[in-house]
Amino acid sequence: MNTWKEDIIQKENSLKPHEEKLKILNSLKEKLRKESEKSLKIESKLKKDYLKKLEEIPPNLPKELELYWKHEDFSGFTPLLNAITKDTKGRMNFLERELGKKDKTLDWFMEEFKKEIEKK
């Protein structure tokens, strides 16, 4: 029959492998925490760099569009794009009306003048 001291020693011995696993898990948790902190630092640095680059006018931006450059929300481009869209729709409507007078469609026009359009 085991005495209570032997029981305690036996239980301690059975827990030793689990203690090692616990130490390993704790070290892994610490590594994960350090890597997470490092990742957050890198992410915040990248965000700052990105925002800083947004403030600069891109080198490949055409000179005509530099007037409309606003990095905050690109609100300068919106009126320009709206004007271009409105102008394009107006031209399409005019072309459809003129073609309609001659019983032709826009699809016919696009197919007929496909090569000339692609050259431009």
N, C-alpha and C. Protein backbone atom coordinates (compact mmCIF):
# COMPACT_ATOMS: atom_id res chain seq x y z
N MET A 1 0.84 -1.17 0.00
CA MET A 1 0.00 0.00 0.00
C MET A 1 0.89 1.24 0.00
N ASN A 2 0.48 2.21 -0.86
CA ASN A 2 1.26 3.45 -0.97
C ASN A 2 0.90 4.40 0.15
N THR A 3 1.92 5.06 0.59
CA THR A 3 1.67 6.09 1.60
C THR A 3 1.28 7.36 0.89
N TRP A 4 0.82 8.31 1.63
CA TRP A 4 0.39 9.57 1.02
C TRP A 4 1.56 10.31 0.41
N LYS A 5 2.80 10.14 0.98
CA LYS A 5 3.98 10.78 0.41
C LYS A 5 4.31 10.18 -0.95
N GLU A 6 4.20 8.89 -1.04
CA GLU A 6 4.47 8.21 -2.31
C GLU A 6 3.44 8.61 -3.36
N ASP A 7 2.20 8.78 -2.94
CA ASP A 7 1.16 9.23 -3.86
C ASP A 7 1.48 10.62 -4.42
N ILE A 8 1.91 11.49 -3.55
CA ILE A 8 2.24 12.85 -3.98
C ILE A 8 3.43 12.82 -4.94
N ILE A 9 4.44 12.04 -4.62
CA ILE A 9 5.61 11.93 -5.49
C ILE A 9 5.21 11.35 -6.85
N GLN A 10 4.36 10.36 -6.84
CA GLN A 10 3.90 9.74 -8.07
C GLN A 10 3.10 10.75 -8.93
N LYS A 11 2.26 11.54 -8.30
CA LYS A 11 1.49 12.56 -9.02
C LYS A 11 2.40 13.64 -9.58
N GLU A 12 3.40 14.04 -8.80
CA GLU A 12 4.36 15.03 -9.28
C GLU A 12 5.12 14.51 -10.49
N ASN A 13 5.52 13.25 -10.42
CA ASN A 13 6.24 12.65 -11.55
C ASN A 13 5.36 12.55 -12.79
N SER A 14 4.09 12.29 -12.59
CA SER A 14 3.19 12.21 -13.74
C SER A 14 2.93 13.60 -14.35
N LEU A 15 3.11 14.67 -13.56
CA LEU A 15 2.90 16.03 -14.06
C LEU A 15 4.13 16.63 -14.73
N LYS A 16 5.32 16.05 -14.52
CA LYS A 16 6.55 16.62 -15.07
C LYS A 16 6.52 16.78 -16.59
N PRO A 17 6.08 15.79 -17.35
CA PRO A 17 6.03 15.99 -18.81
C PRO A 17 5.09 17.14 -19.20
N HIS A 18 4.02 17.30 -18.44
CA HIS A 18 3.09 18.38 -18.72
C HIS A 18 3.70 19.74 -18.39
N GLU A 19 4.55 19.77 -17.39
CA GLU A 19 5.23 21.03 -17.05
C GLU A 19 6.14 21.46 -18.19
N GLU A 20 6.82 20.51 -18.80
CA GLU A 20 7.69 20.82 -19.94
C GLU A 20 6.86 21.36 -21.10
N LYS A 21 5.75 20.71 -21.35
CA LYS A 21 4.86 21.18 -22.42
C LYS A 21 4.35 22.58 -22.12
N LEU A 22 4.04 22.83 -20.86
CA LEU A 22 3.55 24.15 -20.46
C LEU A 22 4.63 25.21 -20.66
N LYS A 23 5.87 24.87 -20.34
CA LYS A 23 6.99 25.80 -20.55
C LYS A 23 7.15 26.11 -22.04
N ILE A 24 7.04 25.07 -22.85
CA ILE A 24 7.16 25.26 -24.30
C ILE A 24 6.02 26.14 -24.80
N LEU A 25 4.82 25.88 -24.34
CA LEU A 25 3.66 26.69 -24.76
C LEU A 25 3.83 28.15 -24.34
N ASN A 26 4.30 28.37 -23.12
CA ASN A 26 4.51 29.74 -22.66
C ASN A 26 5.58 30.45 -23.48
N SER A 27 6.65 29.73 -23.82
CA SER A 27 7.68 30.36 -24.65
C SER A 27 7.13 30.68 -26.04
N LEU A 28 6.30 29.79 -26.58
CA LEU A 28 5.68 30.06 -27.88
C LEU A 28 4.72 31.25 -27.81
N LYS A 29 3.99 31.35 -26.72
CA LYS A 29 3.10 32.51 -26.53
C LYS A 29 3.90 33.80 -26.52
N GLU A 30 5.03 33.77 -25.83
CA GLU A 30 5.88 34.97 -25.75
C GLU A 30 6.43 35.33 -27.13
N LYS A 31 6.87 34.32 -27.88
CA LYS A 31 7.36 34.58 -29.24
C LYS A 31 6.25 35.16 -30.11
N LEU A 32 5.06 34.60 -29.99
CA LEU A 32 3.92 35.09 -30.76
C LEU A 32 3.60 36.53 -30.41
N ARG A 33 3.65 36.86 -29.13
CA ARG A 33 3.39 38.23 -28.69
C ARG A 33 4.43 39.19 -29.28
N LYS A 34 5.71 38.79 -29.24
CA LYS A 34 6.77 39.63 -29.79
C LYS A 34 6.61 39.82 -31.29
N GLU A 35 6.29 38.74 -31.99
CA GLU A 35 6.09 38.83 -33.44
C GLU A 35 4.87 39.70 -33.77
N SER A 36 3.85 39.59 -32.96
CA SER A 36 2.66 40.41 -33.16
C SER A 36 2.98 41.89 -32.98
N GLU A 37 3.75 42.21 -31.96
CA GLU A 37 4.16 43.60 -31.75
C GLU A 37 5.00 44.09 -32.91
N LYS A 38 5.92 43.25 -33.37
CA LYS A 38 6.77 43.62 -34.50
C LYS A 38 5.92 43.86 -35.75
N SER A 39 4.94 42.99 -35.95
CA SER A 39 4.05 43.11 -37.10
C SER A 39 3.24 44.41 -37.04
N LEU A 40 2.75 44.76 -35.86
CA LEU A 40 1.99 46.01 -35.70
C LEU A 40 2.86 47.22 -35.99
N LYS A 41 4.12 47.19 -35.55
CA LYS A 41 5.03 48.30 -35.82
C LYS A 41 5.27 48.44 -37.31
N ILE A 42 5.50 47.32 -37.98
CA ILE A 42 5.73 47.35 -39.42
C ILE A 42 4.49 47.86 -40.15
N GLU A 43 3.33 47.39 -39.73
CA GLU A 43 2.07 47.81 -40.36
C GLU A 43 1.85 49.31 -40.20
N SER A 44 2.09 49.83 -39.00
CA SER A 44 1.90 51.27 -38.79
C SER A 44 2.90 52.08 -39.60
N LYS A 45 4.13 51.58 -39.72
CA LYS A 45 5.14 52.28 -40.53
C LYS A 45 4.73 52.29 -42.00
N LEU A 46 4.24 51.15 -42.48
CA LEU A 46 3.79 51.08 -43.87
C LEU A 46 2.62 52.02 -44.13
N LYS A 47 1.69 52.12 -43.19
CA LYS A 47 0.56 53.04 -43.34
C LYS A 47 1.05 54.48 -43.42
N LYS A 48 1.99 54.84 -42.53
CA LYS A 48 2.53 56.20 -42.55
C LYS A 48 3.23 56.49 -43.87
N ASP A 49 4.04 55.53 -44.35
CA ASP A 49 4.72 55.71 -45.63
C ASP A 49 3.73 55.85 -46.77
N TYR A 50 2.68 55.04 -46.74
CA TYR A 50 1.67 55.09 -47.79
C TYR A 50 0.97 56.45 -47.81
N LEU A 51 0.59 56.93 -46.63
CA LEU A 51 -0.08 58.23 -46.56
C LEU A 51 0.85 59.35 -46.99
N LYS A 52 2.12 59.22 -46.67
CA LYS A 52 3.09 60.24 -47.08
C LYS A 52 3.23 60.25 -48.60
N LYS A 53 3.25 59.06 -49.20
CA LYS A 53 3.36 58.98 -50.66
C LYS A 53 2.11 59.51 -51.34
N LEU A 54 0.96 59.38 -50.69
CA LEU A 54 -0.27 59.90 -51.28
C LEU A 54 -0.23 61.42 -51.40
N GLU A 55 0.50 62.06 -50.50
CA GLU A 55 0.56 63.51 -50.53
C GLU A 55 1.37 64.01 -51.73
N GLU A 56 2.29 63.20 -52.21
CA GLU A 56 3.12 63.59 -53.34
C GLU A 56 2.36 63.35 -54.64
N ILE A 57 2.57 64.24 -55.59
CA ILE A 57 1.96 64.04 -56.91
C ILE A 57 2.70 62.91 -57.60
N PRO A 58 1.99 61.91 -58.11
CA PRO A 58 2.67 60.80 -58.78
C PRO A 58 3.47 61.29 -59.98
N PRO A 59 4.64 60.72 -60.22
CA PRO A 59 5.48 61.19 -61.32
C PRO A 59 4.87 60.93 -62.70
N ASN A 60 4.03 59.92 -62.83
CA ASN A 60 3.44 59.61 -64.13
C ASN A 60 2.10 60.31 -64.37
N LEU A 61 1.71 61.21 -63.47
CA LEU A 61 0.45 61.94 -63.64
C LEU A 61 0.64 62.99 -64.73
N PRO A 62 -0.25 63.02 -65.73
CA PRO A 62 -0.11 64.02 -66.79
C PRO A 62 -0.17 65.44 -66.23
N LYS A 63 0.57 66.33 -66.86
CA LYS A 63 0.67 67.72 -66.40
C LYS A 63 -0.71 68.39 -66.33
N GLU A 64 -1.59 68.04 -67.28
CA GLU A 64 -2.91 68.67 -67.31
C GLU A 64 -3.74 68.32 -66.07
N LEU A 65 -3.47 67.17 -65.47
CA LEU A 65 -4.26 66.72 -64.33
C LEU A 65 -3.69 67.15 -62.99
N GLU A 66 -2.47 67.70 -62.97
CA GLU A 66 -1.87 68.11 -61.70
C GLU A 66 -2.72 69.15 -60.98
N LEU A 67 -3.42 69.97 -61.76
CA LEU A 67 -4.30 70.98 -61.19
C LEU A 67 -5.38 70.34 -60.31
N TYR A 68 -5.82 69.14 -60.68
CA TYR A 68 -6.91 68.48 -59.97
C TYR A 68 -6.44 67.57 -58.84
N TRP A 69 -5.13 67.49 -58.62
CA TRP A 69 -4.60 66.55 -57.63
C TRP A 69 -4.87 67.03 -56.21
N LYS A 70 -5.62 66.23 -55.47
CA LYS A 70 -5.81 66.46 -54.03
C LYS A 70 -5.74 65.09 -53.40
N HIS A 71 -4.78 64.88 -52.54
CA HIS A 71 -4.57 63.55 -52.00
C HIS A 71 -5.60 63.14 -50.96
N GLU A 72 -6.28 64.09 -50.33
CA GLU A 72 -7.18 63.73 -49.23
C GLU A 72 -8.27 62.78 -49.68
N ASP A 73 -9.00 63.18 -50.70
CA ASP A 73 -10.11 62.33 -51.13
C ASP A 73 -10.27 62.29 -52.65
N PHE A 74 -9.27 62.79 -53.35
CA PHE A 74 -9.29 62.82 -54.81
C PHE A 74 -10.53 63.55 -55.33
N SER A 75 -11.03 64.50 -54.56
CA SER A 75 -12.25 65.20 -54.97
C SER A 75 -12.01 66.07 -56.20
N GLY A 76 -10.77 66.38 -56.49
CA GLY A 76 -10.48 67.17 -57.68
C GLY A 76 -10.73 66.41 -58.96
N PHE A 77 -10.60 65.09 -58.91
CA PHE A 77 -10.81 64.29 -60.12
C PHE A 77 -12.28 64.08 -60.43
N THR A 78 -13.12 64.13 -59.43
CA THR A 78 -14.54 63.84 -59.63
C THR A 78 -15.19 64.77 -60.65
N PRO A 79 -15.03 66.10 -60.53
CA PRO A 79 -15.64 66.97 -61.55
C PRO A 79 -15.08 66.71 -62.95
N LEU A 80 -13.80 66.43 -63.01
CA LEU A 80 -13.18 66.16 -64.31
C LEU A 80 -13.77 64.89 -64.93
N LEU A 81 -13.87 63.83 -64.15
CA LEU A 81 -14.43 62.58 -64.67
C LEU A 81 -15.90 62.74 -65.02
N ASN A 82 -16.64 63.49 -64.21
CA ASN A 82 -18.05 63.73 -64.52
C ASN A 82 -18.19 64.49 -65.83
N ALA A 83 -17.33 65.47 -66.05
CA ALA A 83 -17.39 66.25 -67.29
C ALA A 83 -17.06 65.37 -68.49
N ILE A 84 -16.05 64.52 -68.34
CA ILE A 84 -15.69 63.62 -69.44
C ILE A 84 -16.84 62.66 -69.74
N THR A 85 -17.44 62.10 -68.68
CA THR A 85 -18.55 61.16 -68.85
C THR A 85 -19.74 61.85 -69.52
N LYS A 86 -20.06 63.05 -69.06
CA LYS A 86 -21.19 63.79 -69.62
C LYS A 86 -20.94 64.10 -71.10
N ASP A 87 -19.71 64.51 -71.43
CA ASP A 87 -19.36 64.82 -72.81
C ASP A 87 -19.46 63.57 -73.68
N THR A 88 -18.97 62.46 -73.16
CA THR A 88 -19.01 61.20 -73.92
C THR A 88 -20.45 60.77 -74.17
N LYS A 89 -21.29 60.87 -73.14
CA LYS A 89 -22.71 60.50 -73.31
C LYS A 89 -23.39 61.42 -74.31
N GLY A 90 -23.05 62.70 -74.27
CA GLY A 90 -23.63 63.65 -75.21
C GLY A 90 -23.26 63.30 -76.65
N ARG A 91 -22.00 62.95 -76.85
CA ARG A 91 -21.56 62.58 -78.19
C ARG A 91 -22.24 61.29 -78.66
N MET A 92 -22.39 60.33 -77.73
CA MET A 92 -23.07 59.08 -78.09
C MET A 92 -24.52 59.35 -78.48
N ASN A 93 -25.20 60.19 -77.71
CA ASN A 93 -26.60 60.52 -78.02
C ASN A 93 -26.71 61.20 -79.38
N PHE A 94 -25.80 62.14 -79.66
CA PHE A 94 -25.81 62.83 -80.95
C PHE A 94 -25.61 61.82 -82.08
N LEU A 95 -24.62 60.93 -81.89
CA LEU A 95 -24.32 59.94 -82.91
C LEU A 95 -25.51 59.01 -83.13
N GLU A 96 -26.15 58.58 -82.05
CA GLU A 96 -27.32 57.70 -82.17
C GLU A 96 -28.47 58.40 -82.91
N ARG A 97 -28.68 59.70 -82.62
CA ARG A 97 -29.74 60.45 -83.32
C ARG A 97 -29.45 60.55 -84.81
N GLU A 98 -28.20 60.89 -85.13
CA GLU A 98 -27.84 61.05 -86.54
C GLU A 98 -27.91 59.73 -87.29
N LEU A 99 -27.46 58.65 -86.62
CA LEU A 99 -27.54 57.33 -87.26
C LEU A 99 -29.00 56.89 -87.40
N GLY A 100 -29.82 57.22 -86.41
CA GLY A 100 -31.24 56.87 -86.45
C GLY A 100 -31.95 57.51 -87.62
N LYS A 101 -31.53 58.71 -87.99
CA LYS A 101 -32.13 59.39 -89.15
C LYS A 101 -31.88 58.60 -90.43
N LYS A 102 -30.79 57.81 -90.44
CA LYS A 102 -30.44 57.03 -91.63
C LYS A 102 -30.72 55.54 -91.43
N ASP A 103 -31.55 55.24 -90.43
CA ASP A 103 -31.93 53.86 -90.10
C ASP A 103 -30.72 52.97 -89.81
N LYS A 104 -29.76 53.51 -89.10
CA LYS A 104 -28.57 52.75 -88.68
C LYS A 104 -28.51 52.78 -87.16
N THR A 105 -27.75 51.82 -86.59
CA THR A 105 -27.62 51.76 -85.14
C THR A 105 -26.17 52.01 -84.73
N LEU A 106 -25.99 52.22 -83.45
CA LEU A 106 -24.64 52.43 -82.92
C LEU A 106 -23.80 51.16 -83.08
N ASP A 107 -24.44 50.00 -82.94
CA ASP A 107 -23.72 48.73 -83.15
C ASP A 107 -23.22 48.62 -84.59
N TRP A 108 -24.04 49.02 -85.53
CA TRP A 108 -23.63 49.02 -86.94
C TRP A 108 -22.43 49.93 -87.13
N PHE A 109 -22.50 51.12 -86.55
CA PHE A 109 -21.42 52.10 -86.67
C PHE A 109 -20.11 51.54 -86.10
N MET A 110 -20.20 50.93 -84.91
CA MET A 110 -19.00 50.38 -84.26
C MET A 110 -18.40 49.27 -85.11
N GLU A 111 -19.23 48.44 -85.70
CA GLU A 111 -18.74 47.34 -86.53
C GLU A 111 -18.16 47.87 -87.84
N GLU A 112 -18.83 48.86 -88.43
CA GLU A 112 -18.41 49.41 -89.72
C GLU A 112 -17.07 50.15 -89.61
N PHE A 113 -16.89 50.90 -88.54
CA PHE A 113 -15.68 51.72 -88.40
C PHE A 113 -14.74 51.18 -87.32
N LYS A 114 -14.79 49.87 -87.12
CA LYS A 114 -14.00 49.23 -86.07
C LYS A 114 -12.50 49.48 -86.26
N LYS A 115 -12.01 49.31 -87.48
CA LYS A 115 -10.58 49.46 -87.74
C LYS A 115 -10.11 50.90 -87.50
N GLU A 116 -10.89 51.87 -87.93
CA GLU A 116 -10.51 53.27 -87.73
C GLU A 116 -10.51 53.63 -86.25
N ILE A 117 -11.46 53.09 -85.51
CA ILE A 117 -11.55 53.37 -84.07
C ILE A 117 -10.36 52.75 -83.35
N GLU A 118 -9.98 51.53 -83.72
CA GLU A 118 -8.86 50.86 -83.07
C GLU A 118 -7.54 51.56 -83.35
N LYS A 119 -7.40 52.20 -84.51
CA LYS A 119 -6.17 52.91 -84.85
C LYS A 119 -5.95 54.09 -83.92
N LYS A 120 -7.03 54.72 -83.50
CA LYS A 120 -6.92 55.90 -82.64
C LYS A 120 -6.69 55.44 -81.24
